[in-house]
N, C-alpha and C. Protein backbone atom coordinates (compact mmCIF):
# COMPACT_ATOMS: atom_id res chain seq x y z
N MET A 1 118.92 103.98 52.06
CA MET A 1 117.42 104.15 52.18
C MET A 1 117.09 103.65 53.57
N GLU A 2 116.24 104.41 54.33
CA GLU A 2 115.82 104.14 55.76
C GLU A 2 114.63 103.17 55.53
N MET A 3 114.64 102.03 56.36
CA MET A 3 113.59 101.09 56.31
C MET A 3 112.41 101.64 57.19
N PRO A 4 111.12 101.32 56.82
CA PRO A 4 109.93 101.68 57.62
C PRO A 4 110.14 100.88 58.95
N SER A 5 109.31 101.40 60.03
CA SER A 5 109.29 100.76 61.26
C SER A 5 108.33 99.58 61.20
N LEU A 6 108.27 98.69 62.25
CA LEU A 6 107.49 97.56 62.15
C LEU A 6 106.00 97.90 62.35
N CYS A 7 105.81 98.93 63.02
CA CYS A 7 104.33 99.44 63.15
C CYS A 7 103.95 100.01 61.80
N GLY A 8 104.96 100.73 61.18
CA GLY A 8 104.60 101.21 59.80
C GLY A 8 104.21 100.09 58.77
N LEU A 9 105.01 99.02 58.78
CA LEU A 9 104.70 97.91 58.03
C LEU A 9 103.51 97.15 58.26
N MET A 10 103.14 97.19 59.51
CA MET A 10 101.83 96.44 59.97
C MET A 10 100.66 97.29 59.40
N MET A 11 100.93 98.69 59.44
CA MET A 11 99.73 99.51 58.93
C MET A 11 99.52 99.41 57.46
N VAL A 12 100.61 99.34 56.76
CA VAL A 12 100.75 99.19 55.32
C VAL A 12 99.92 97.79 55.01
N SER A 13 100.53 96.69 55.61
CA SER A 13 99.84 95.49 55.44
C SER A 13 98.34 95.50 55.65
N HIS A 14 97.94 96.05 56.69
CA HIS A 14 96.44 96.29 57.09
C HIS A 14 95.62 96.86 55.80
N PHE A 15 96.31 97.94 55.31
CA PHE A 15 95.52 98.68 54.33
C PHE A 15 95.58 97.86 53.02
N SER A 16 96.61 97.10 52.64
CA SER A 16 96.66 96.36 51.46
C SER A 16 95.57 95.28 51.53
N ILE A 17 95.44 94.68 52.67
CA ILE A 17 94.24 93.63 52.74
C ILE A 17 92.92 94.34 52.61
N GLN A 18 92.68 95.53 53.29
CA GLN A 18 91.52 96.11 53.24
C GLN A 18 91.13 96.75 51.84
N ALA A 19 92.04 97.33 51.14
CA ALA A 19 91.79 98.22 50.00
C ALA A 19 91.71 97.46 48.70
N GLY A 20 92.12 96.23 48.70
CA GLY A 20 91.97 95.49 47.34
C GLY A 20 93.27 95.61 46.51
N THR A 21 93.11 95.03 45.45
CA THR A 21 94.30 94.94 44.52
C THR A 21 94.91 96.41 44.15
N ARG A 22 94.17 97.23 43.82
CA ARG A 22 94.63 98.60 43.35
C ARG A 22 95.53 99.18 44.43
N GLN A 23 95.15 99.28 45.63
CA GLN A 23 95.92 99.85 46.74
C GLN A 23 97.06 98.86 47.03
N SER A 24 96.88 97.62 46.73
CA SER A 24 97.94 96.66 47.18
C SER A 24 99.18 96.87 46.42
N GLN A 25 99.09 97.29 45.11
CA GLN A 25 100.26 97.76 44.40
C GLN A 25 100.87 98.90 44.91
N GLN A 26 100.01 100.01 45.43
CA GLN A 26 100.48 101.27 45.84
C GLN A 26 101.10 100.99 47.17
N SER A 27 100.70 99.98 48.01
CA SER A 27 101.24 99.63 49.36
C SER A 27 102.67 99.11 49.11
N GLU A 28 102.79 98.25 48.13
CA GLU A 28 104.15 97.78 47.84
C GLU A 28 105.11 98.81 47.59
N GLU A 29 104.70 99.77 46.86
CA GLU A 29 105.58 100.92 46.55
C GLU A 29 105.93 101.62 47.87
N VAL A 30 104.83 101.81 48.81
CA VAL A 30 105.03 102.33 50.02
C VAL A 30 106.06 101.73 50.99
N LEU A 31 106.10 100.35 50.90
CA LEU A 31 107.02 99.55 51.62
C LEU A 31 108.46 99.93 51.25
N MET A 32 108.60 100.19 50.08
CA MET A 32 109.96 100.41 49.65
C MET A 32 110.38 101.88 49.90
N ALA A 33 109.59 102.73 50.23
CA ALA A 33 109.75 104.07 50.54
C ALA A 33 110.31 104.22 51.96
N THR A 34 110.70 105.54 52.26
CA THR A 34 111.19 105.83 53.55
C THR A 34 109.91 105.99 54.48
N LYS A 35 110.23 106.13 55.76
CA LYS A 35 109.20 106.02 56.91
C LYS A 35 108.29 107.34 56.54
N THR A 36 108.92 108.48 56.17
CA THR A 36 108.10 109.71 55.79
C THR A 36 107.17 109.44 54.69
N ARG A 37 107.47 108.82 53.74
CA ARG A 37 106.70 108.46 52.60
C ARG A 37 105.53 107.52 52.96
N VAL A 38 105.87 106.65 53.98
CA VAL A 38 104.77 105.74 54.36
C VAL A 38 103.65 106.51 54.91
N VAL A 39 104.03 107.47 55.75
CA VAL A 39 102.95 108.24 56.35
C VAL A 39 102.33 109.18 55.39
N GLN A 40 103.00 109.72 54.40
CA GLN A 40 102.35 110.56 53.44
C GLN A 40 101.39 109.81 52.57
N ARG A 41 101.68 108.62 52.18
CA ARG A 41 100.85 107.81 51.19
C ARG A 41 99.78 107.12 51.85
N THR A 42 99.88 106.77 53.13
CA THR A 42 98.92 105.92 53.82
C THR A 42 97.78 106.70 54.36
N PRO A 43 96.48 106.64 54.10
CA PRO A 43 95.54 107.52 54.73
C PRO A 43 95.37 107.26 56.25
N PHE A 44 95.17 108.20 57.13
CA PHE A 44 95.14 108.00 58.49
C PHE A 44 93.62 107.68 58.85
N THR A 45 93.33 106.53 59.31
CA THR A 45 91.86 106.21 59.70
C THR A 45 91.92 105.63 61.10
N ILE A 46 90.71 105.43 61.62
CA ILE A 46 90.56 104.76 62.95
C ILE A 46 91.35 103.52 63.00
N ALA A 47 91.36 102.72 61.87
CA ALA A 47 92.07 101.48 61.93
C ALA A 47 93.47 101.68 62.08
N THR A 48 94.14 102.80 61.41
CA THR A 48 95.41 103.07 61.71
C THR A 48 95.76 103.51 63.04
N ALA A 49 94.89 104.40 63.66
CA ALA A 49 94.93 104.83 65.09
C ALA A 49 95.13 103.46 65.98
N GLY A 50 94.27 102.50 65.71
CA GLY A 50 94.33 101.29 66.40
C GLY A 50 95.61 100.56 66.46
N TRP A 51 96.28 100.55 65.11
CA TRP A 51 97.44 99.90 65.01
C TRP A 51 98.55 100.72 65.72
N VAL A 52 98.49 102.01 65.69
CA VAL A 52 99.41 102.72 66.46
C VAL A 52 99.37 102.52 67.95
N MET A 53 98.03 102.53 68.33
CA MET A 53 97.93 102.23 69.85
C MET A 53 98.38 100.79 70.16
N ALA A 54 98.13 99.97 69.46
CA ALA A 54 98.59 98.54 69.70
C ALA A 54 100.08 98.41 69.75
N CYS A 55 100.78 99.09 68.86
CA CYS A 55 102.27 99.13 68.81
C CYS A 55 102.77 99.94 70.03
N ALA A 56 102.15 101.03 70.35
CA ALA A 56 102.59 101.70 71.61
C ALA A 56 102.38 100.93 72.91
N THR A 57 101.22 100.23 72.91
CA THR A 57 101.02 99.51 74.14
C THR A 57 101.98 98.23 74.24
N LEU A 58 102.31 97.59 73.13
CA LEU A 58 103.42 96.63 73.06
C LEU A 58 104.78 97.12 73.43
N ALA A 59 105.03 98.31 72.98
CA ALA A 59 106.44 98.90 73.29
C ALA A 59 106.47 99.13 74.80
N LEU A 60 105.43 99.74 75.44
CA LEU A 60 105.44 100.05 76.89
C LEU A 60 105.53 98.72 77.71
N LEU A 61 104.76 97.61 77.29
CA LEU A 61 104.83 96.44 78.05
C LEU A 61 106.22 95.90 77.89
N ALA A 62 106.82 95.90 76.87
CA ALA A 62 108.08 95.32 76.60
C ALA A 62 109.24 96.19 77.38
N ALA A 63 108.99 97.45 77.45
CA ALA A 63 109.87 98.15 78.33
C ALA A 63 109.79 97.93 79.71
N GLY A 64 108.56 97.62 80.25
CA GLY A 64 108.26 97.38 81.63
C GLY A 64 108.67 95.98 82.02
N CYS A 65 109.09 95.13 81.23
CA CYS A 65 109.41 93.80 81.61
C CYS A 65 110.81 93.82 82.28
N LYS A 66 110.92 93.20 83.41
CA LYS A 66 112.29 93.11 84.02
C LYS A 66 112.34 91.67 84.73
N ASP A 67 113.48 91.24 84.94
CA ASP A 67 113.61 90.04 85.77
C ASP A 67 113.31 90.34 87.20
N GLN A 68 112.04 90.11 87.62
CA GLN A 68 111.70 90.50 88.98
C GLN A 68 111.40 89.22 89.67
N SER A 69 112.13 89.01 90.81
CA SER A 69 112.06 87.77 91.66
C SER A 69 111.09 88.20 92.77
N PRO A 70 110.24 87.32 93.11
CA PRO A 70 109.26 87.74 94.19
C PRO A 70 109.94 87.70 95.55
N VAL A 71 109.71 88.52 96.37
CA VAL A 71 110.23 88.62 97.76
C VAL A 71 109.44 87.69 98.62
N PRO A 72 110.25 86.73 99.21
CA PRO A 72 109.46 85.77 100.02
C PRO A 72 109.03 86.38 101.40
N ALA A 73 107.89 85.98 101.77
CA ALA A 73 107.32 86.58 103.05
C ALA A 73 108.07 85.92 104.23
N PRO A 74 108.36 86.82 105.20
CA PRO A 74 109.17 86.24 106.34
C PRO A 74 108.42 85.12 107.12
N VAL A 75 109.06 84.01 107.54
CA VAL A 75 108.57 82.91 108.14
C VAL A 75 108.59 83.14 109.68
N SER A 76 107.36 82.78 110.21
CA SER A 76 107.38 83.01 111.66
C SER A 76 106.95 81.75 112.43
N ALA A 77 107.11 81.60 113.61
CA ALA A 77 106.86 80.27 114.29
C ALA A 77 105.33 80.09 114.36
N ALA A 78 104.45 81.15 114.37
CA ALA A 78 103.05 81.12 114.42
C ALA A 78 102.51 82.17 113.52
N SER A 79 101.56 81.80 112.58
CA SER A 79 101.03 82.68 111.73
C SER A 79 99.92 83.61 112.60
N PRO A 80 99.53 84.77 112.19
CA PRO A 80 98.58 85.46 112.72
C PRO A 80 97.27 84.78 113.07
N SER A 81 96.82 84.06 111.94
CA SER A 81 95.57 83.22 112.15
C SER A 81 95.73 82.14 113.23
N ASP A 82 96.89 81.71 113.62
CA ASP A 82 97.18 80.71 114.68
C ASP A 82 97.41 81.46 116.00
N ALA A 83 97.19 82.61 116.28
CA ALA A 83 97.71 83.50 117.32
C ALA A 83 97.52 82.73 118.64
N GLY A 84 96.43 82.04 118.82
CA GLY A 84 96.18 81.33 120.03
C GLY A 84 96.46 79.86 120.07
N ALA A 85 96.88 79.35 118.94
CA ALA A 85 97.25 77.90 118.78
C ALA A 85 98.78 77.65 119.30
N ALA A 86 99.03 76.49 119.96
CA ALA A 86 100.28 76.07 120.31
C ALA A 86 101.01 75.59 119.09
N PRO A 87 102.36 75.67 119.11
CA PRO A 87 103.10 75.22 118.03
C PRO A 87 103.11 73.53 118.10
N VAL A 88 103.22 73.02 116.92
CA VAL A 88 103.13 71.58 116.79
C VAL A 88 104.18 70.84 117.72
N THR A 89 105.35 71.63 118.08
CA THR A 89 106.41 71.04 118.74
C THR A 89 105.95 70.87 120.40
N ASP A 90 104.86 71.53 120.70
CA ASP A 90 104.38 71.41 122.02
C ASP A 90 103.83 69.90 122.31
N GLN A 91 103.47 69.30 121.23
CA GLN A 91 103.10 67.91 121.29
C GLN A 91 104.22 66.83 121.72
N TRP A 92 105.40 67.45 121.66
CA TRP A 92 106.56 66.64 121.99
C TRP A 92 107.01 66.73 123.45
N LEU A 93 106.18 67.46 124.34
CA LEU A 93 106.57 67.50 125.77
C LEU A 93 106.51 66.23 126.35
N GLY A 94 107.54 66.03 127.32
CA GLY A 94 107.56 64.74 128.07
C GLY A 94 108.95 64.05 127.74
N LYS A 95 108.90 62.93 128.17
CA LYS A 95 110.19 61.99 128.17
C LYS A 95 110.16 61.15 126.88
N TRP A 96 111.38 61.12 126.26
CA TRP A 96 111.59 60.20 125.07
C TRP A 96 112.80 59.48 125.41
N ASN A 97 112.76 58.04 125.22
CA ASN A 97 113.87 57.11 125.55
C ASN A 97 114.75 56.82 124.44
N GLY A 98 116.11 56.64 124.85
CA GLY A 98 117.17 56.24 123.87
C GLY A 98 117.76 54.87 124.34
N PRO A 99 118.76 54.40 123.66
CA PRO A 99 119.43 53.12 124.19
C PRO A 99 120.18 53.27 125.41
N GLU A 100 120.38 52.22 126.13
CA GLU A 100 121.34 52.18 127.36
C GLU A 100 121.03 53.21 128.34
N GLY A 101 119.75 53.49 128.63
CA GLY A 101 119.35 54.44 129.70
C GLY A 101 119.50 55.97 129.25
N THR A 102 119.75 56.31 128.05
CA THR A 102 119.75 57.64 127.70
C THR A 102 118.24 58.13 127.39
N PHE A 103 117.99 59.33 127.51
CA PHE A 103 116.64 59.91 127.32
C PHE A 103 116.80 61.43 126.99
N LEU A 104 115.63 61.80 126.65
CA LEU A 104 115.46 63.29 126.20
C LEU A 104 114.29 63.75 127.08
N GLN A 105 114.29 64.74 127.72
CA GLN A 105 113.13 65.29 128.57
C GLN A 105 112.88 66.72 128.01
N ILE A 106 111.56 67.03 127.48
CA ILE A 106 111.19 68.35 127.00
C ILE A 106 110.22 68.91 127.97
N THR A 107 110.45 70.00 128.56
CA THR A 107 109.39 70.84 129.30
C THR A 107 109.35 72.11 128.93
N GLY A 108 108.22 72.71 129.31
CA GLY A 108 107.95 74.24 128.90
C GLY A 108 106.73 74.17 128.00
N GLY A 109 106.53 74.99 127.03
CA GLY A 109 105.49 75.01 126.05
C GLY A 109 105.32 76.44 125.39
N ASN A 110 104.32 76.43 124.51
CA ASN A 110 104.22 77.68 123.75
C ASN A 110 105.38 78.00 122.88
N GLY A 111 106.24 77.18 122.55
CA GLY A 111 107.27 77.57 121.69
C GLY A 111 108.63 77.74 122.47
N ARG A 112 108.59 77.54 123.82
CA ARG A 112 109.78 77.91 124.56
C ARG A 112 109.99 76.72 125.42
N TYR A 113 111.13 76.05 125.50
CA TYR A 113 111.45 74.79 126.15
C TYR A 113 112.65 74.75 126.84
N GLU A 114 112.74 73.78 127.79
CA GLU A 114 113.97 73.30 128.38
C GLU A 114 114.15 71.87 127.82
N VAL A 115 115.34 71.68 127.32
CA VAL A 115 115.50 70.36 126.85
C VAL A 115 116.76 69.72 127.64
N THR A 116 116.36 68.58 128.25
CA THR A 116 117.41 67.93 129.12
C THR A 116 117.81 66.53 128.32
N ILE A 117 119.03 66.44 128.00
CA ILE A 117 119.53 65.31 127.47
C ILE A 117 120.34 64.54 128.38
N GLN A 118 119.97 63.24 128.61
CA GLN A 118 120.71 62.32 129.55
C GLN A 118 121.48 61.36 128.48
N ASN A 119 122.89 61.55 128.55
CA ASN A 119 123.62 60.57 127.77
C ASN A 119 124.54 59.84 128.90
N LEU A 120 125.52 59.09 128.40
CA LEU A 120 126.31 58.28 129.23
C LEU A 120 127.13 59.12 130.11
N ASP A 121 127.46 60.40 129.82
CA ASP A 121 128.06 61.34 130.78
C ASP A 121 127.31 62.02 131.74
N GLY A 122 125.92 61.82 131.72
CA GLY A 122 125.04 62.46 132.62
C GLY A 122 124.02 63.42 132.00
N PRO A 123 123.26 64.06 132.79
CA PRO A 123 122.17 64.92 131.90
C PRO A 123 122.82 66.32 131.81
N ARG A 124 122.31 67.01 130.77
CA ARG A 124 122.62 68.45 130.59
C ARG A 124 121.38 69.01 130.01
N THR A 125 121.14 70.32 130.49
CA THR A 125 119.92 70.99 130.08
C THR A 125 120.18 72.21 129.20
N PHE A 126 119.37 72.49 128.20
CA PHE A 126 119.65 73.45 127.16
C PHE A 126 118.23 74.35 127.06
N GLN A 127 118.44 75.62 126.88
CA GLN A 127 117.26 76.50 126.49
C GLN A 127 117.04 76.23 124.97
N ALA A 128 115.72 76.15 124.68
CA ALA A 128 115.38 75.76 123.24
C ALA A 128 114.16 76.52 122.91
N GLN A 129 113.91 76.77 121.58
CA GLN A 129 112.66 77.23 121.15
C GLN A 129 112.12 76.63 119.90
N ALA A 130 110.82 76.76 119.47
CA ALA A 130 110.23 76.20 118.27
C ALA A 130 110.81 76.90 117.14
N ALA A 131 111.08 76.21 116.10
CA ALA A 131 111.59 76.74 114.73
C ALA A 131 110.92 75.93 113.71
N GLY A 132 109.62 76.42 113.41
CA GLY A 132 108.85 75.73 112.43
C GLY A 132 108.42 74.36 112.99
N GLN A 133 108.82 73.28 112.38
CA GLN A 133 108.46 72.03 112.90
C GLN A 133 109.59 71.15 113.52
N GLN A 134 110.46 72.09 114.16
CA GLN A 134 111.62 71.68 114.90
C GLN A 134 111.69 72.36 116.16
N ILE A 135 112.56 71.87 117.06
CA ILE A 135 113.01 72.62 118.26
C ILE A 135 114.52 72.91 118.16
N ALA A 136 114.88 74.13 118.13
CA ALA A 136 116.24 74.52 118.05
C ALA A 136 116.89 74.88 119.51
N PHE A 137 118.10 74.37 119.44
CA PHE A 137 118.83 74.79 120.73
C PHE A 137 120.35 74.82 120.41
N GLU A 138 121.30 75.25 121.30
CA GLU A 138 122.63 75.26 121.20
C GLU A 138 123.35 74.53 122.23
N ARG A 139 124.25 73.58 121.62
CA ARG A 139 124.99 72.63 122.67
C ARG A 139 126.48 72.83 122.31
N GLU A 140 127.29 73.21 123.32
CA GLU A 140 128.62 73.30 123.00
C GLU A 140 128.99 74.30 121.91
N GLY A 141 128.26 75.33 121.60
CA GLY A 141 128.45 76.20 120.50
C GLY A 141 127.95 75.78 119.19
N VAL A 142 127.35 74.63 119.18
CA VAL A 142 126.81 74.16 117.93
C VAL A 142 125.31 74.24 117.97
N LYS A 143 124.74 74.78 116.84
CA LYS A 143 123.33 74.88 116.76
C LYS A 143 122.77 73.46 116.37
N GLU A 144 121.82 73.04 117.16
CA GLU A 144 121.23 71.74 117.07
C GLU A 144 119.83 71.78 116.87
N SER A 145 119.05 70.86 116.38
CA SER A 145 117.59 70.86 116.36
C SER A 145 117.11 69.43 116.45
N LEU A 146 115.84 69.47 117.11
CA LEU A 146 115.15 68.15 117.18
C LEU A 146 114.09 68.17 116.03
N ARG A 147 113.87 66.97 115.40
CA ARG A 147 112.98 66.95 114.33
C ARG A 147 112.26 65.56 114.48
N ALA A 148 111.01 65.52 114.29
CA ALA A 148 110.20 64.25 114.20
C ALA A 148 110.72 63.24 113.10
N THR A 149 110.89 62.13 113.53
CA THR A 149 111.40 60.99 112.71
C THR A 149 110.67 59.70 113.18
N ASN A 150 111.04 58.67 112.28
CA ASN A 150 110.75 57.27 112.79
C ASN A 150 112.18 56.72 113.29
N GLY A 151 112.07 55.43 113.83
CA GLY A 151 113.17 54.76 114.39
C GLY A 151 114.35 54.60 113.47
N ALA A 152 113.96 54.20 112.16
CA ALA A 152 114.96 53.98 111.14
C ALA A 152 115.69 55.26 110.83
N GLU A 153 115.02 56.44 110.96
CA GLU A 153 115.86 57.71 110.59
C GLU A 153 116.59 58.22 111.67
N THR A 154 116.58 57.61 112.86
CA THR A 154 117.37 57.94 113.95
C THR A 154 118.84 57.46 113.65
N GLY A 155 119.03 56.38 112.84
CA GLY A 155 120.35 55.82 112.50
C GLY A 155 120.73 54.89 113.54
N MET A 156 119.87 54.45 114.54
CA MET A 156 120.34 53.64 115.59
C MET A 156 119.56 52.42 115.63
N LYS A 157 120.29 51.22 115.51
CA LYS A 157 119.74 49.91 115.37
C LYS A 157 118.71 49.58 116.54
N TRP A 158 119.04 50.21 117.67
CA TRP A 158 118.05 49.82 118.95
C TRP A 158 116.76 50.45 118.76
N LEU A 159 116.59 51.46 117.95
CA LEU A 159 115.33 52.19 117.88
C LEU A 159 114.72 52.01 116.38
N SER A 160 115.32 51.11 115.57
CA SER A 160 114.91 51.02 114.08
C SER A 160 113.42 50.58 114.03
N GLU A 161 112.93 49.95 114.93
CA GLU A 161 111.53 49.27 114.87
C GLU A 161 110.38 50.30 115.33
N LYS A 162 110.83 51.43 115.97
CA LYS A 162 109.97 52.41 116.50
C LYS A 162 109.40 53.33 115.40
N SER A 163 108.33 53.95 115.84
CA SER A 163 107.68 54.80 114.75
C SER A 163 107.56 56.24 115.22
N ASN A 164 107.62 56.61 116.56
CA ASN A 164 107.41 57.85 117.06
C ASN A 164 108.62 58.37 117.64
N CYS A 165 109.55 59.11 116.96
CA CYS A 165 110.84 59.37 117.44
C CYS A 165 111.23 60.89 117.25
N LEU A 166 112.11 61.31 117.90
CA LEU A 166 112.76 62.63 117.70
C LEU A 166 114.34 62.39 117.45
N THR A 167 114.93 63.06 116.51
CA THR A 167 116.25 62.88 116.20
C THR A 167 117.00 64.30 116.20
N VAL A 168 118.12 64.34 116.80
CA VAL A 168 118.96 65.35 116.75
C VAL A 168 119.81 65.35 115.51
N ARG A 169 120.44 64.37 115.35
CA ARG A 169 121.33 63.95 114.23
C ARG A 169 121.55 62.46 114.03
N THR A 170 121.95 62.00 113.05
CA THR A 170 122.04 60.52 112.70
C THR A 170 122.88 60.01 113.82
N GLY A 171 122.38 59.04 114.62
CA GLY A 171 123.10 58.32 115.60
C GLY A 171 122.68 58.89 117.02
N GLU A 172 121.83 59.95 117.01
CA GLU A 172 121.33 60.51 118.33
C GLU A 172 119.85 60.73 118.18
N GLY A 173 118.99 59.82 118.66
CA GLY A 173 117.58 59.73 118.58
C GLY A 173 117.01 59.16 119.94
N TYR A 174 115.74 59.60 120.01
CA TYR A 174 114.98 59.14 121.20
C TYR A 174 113.46 58.80 120.68
N CYS A 175 113.02 57.88 121.38
CA CYS A 175 111.50 57.46 120.93
C CYS A 175 110.65 57.27 122.09
N ARG A 176 109.39 57.32 121.88
CA ARG A 176 108.28 56.93 122.73
C ARG A 176 107.89 55.50 122.43
N ASP A 177 107.68 54.81 123.58
CA ASP A 177 107.41 53.31 123.34
C ASP A 177 105.85 53.14 123.02
C-alpha cells in the first residue's frame, strides 16, 4: 500500500481539526488510504490550497539550499574611500635605530619605499611597498616585511624597553628613541 505524502498528511490533519469528530473518523480512514484516495475524500478548499502552497514553497526553498561560501572581496592597499589618504606605513618614514650601530632608513612615500638596512656588514637598499599595515620587500630572494611592534616583540634584549619599533623577524628590529 502506498503511503500518503507529507503534504497530504498535513492537509488531512488540518481538516480533522477543523471538521470535528465526525470528519475526524473519516480522516483517519483517509490516512490509511492511498494518495489518490486522500485527494478524492478530502474536499479542496482555500485552506487546502494554502497547505499546498506552503509545501511547494518549502520544497523550493529546500531545493535551493546549497553550501555556499561567500567570496571574499579583494584586499587593496588603499580603499576607494581613502583615495587621497596616505597609507599608515608612511608614518614610518625616517631612521630607526638598532643595537651596535645598526639602523633602518625608510624613504619615499604613498606606499612605495626604499628601505636601507645597515647591519654589521654595511648598508643595503631594497625596493619596498605597503602591504596593508606592513612594508613588504625582498632580500636575497626571501620575501620579508616590516611590521610595527614594541621592543619586547623584536626579540632583542637591547630594545626590550622601547615601545615604538619595527620588526623584520625575531632578532631583527629597530626602534625610535
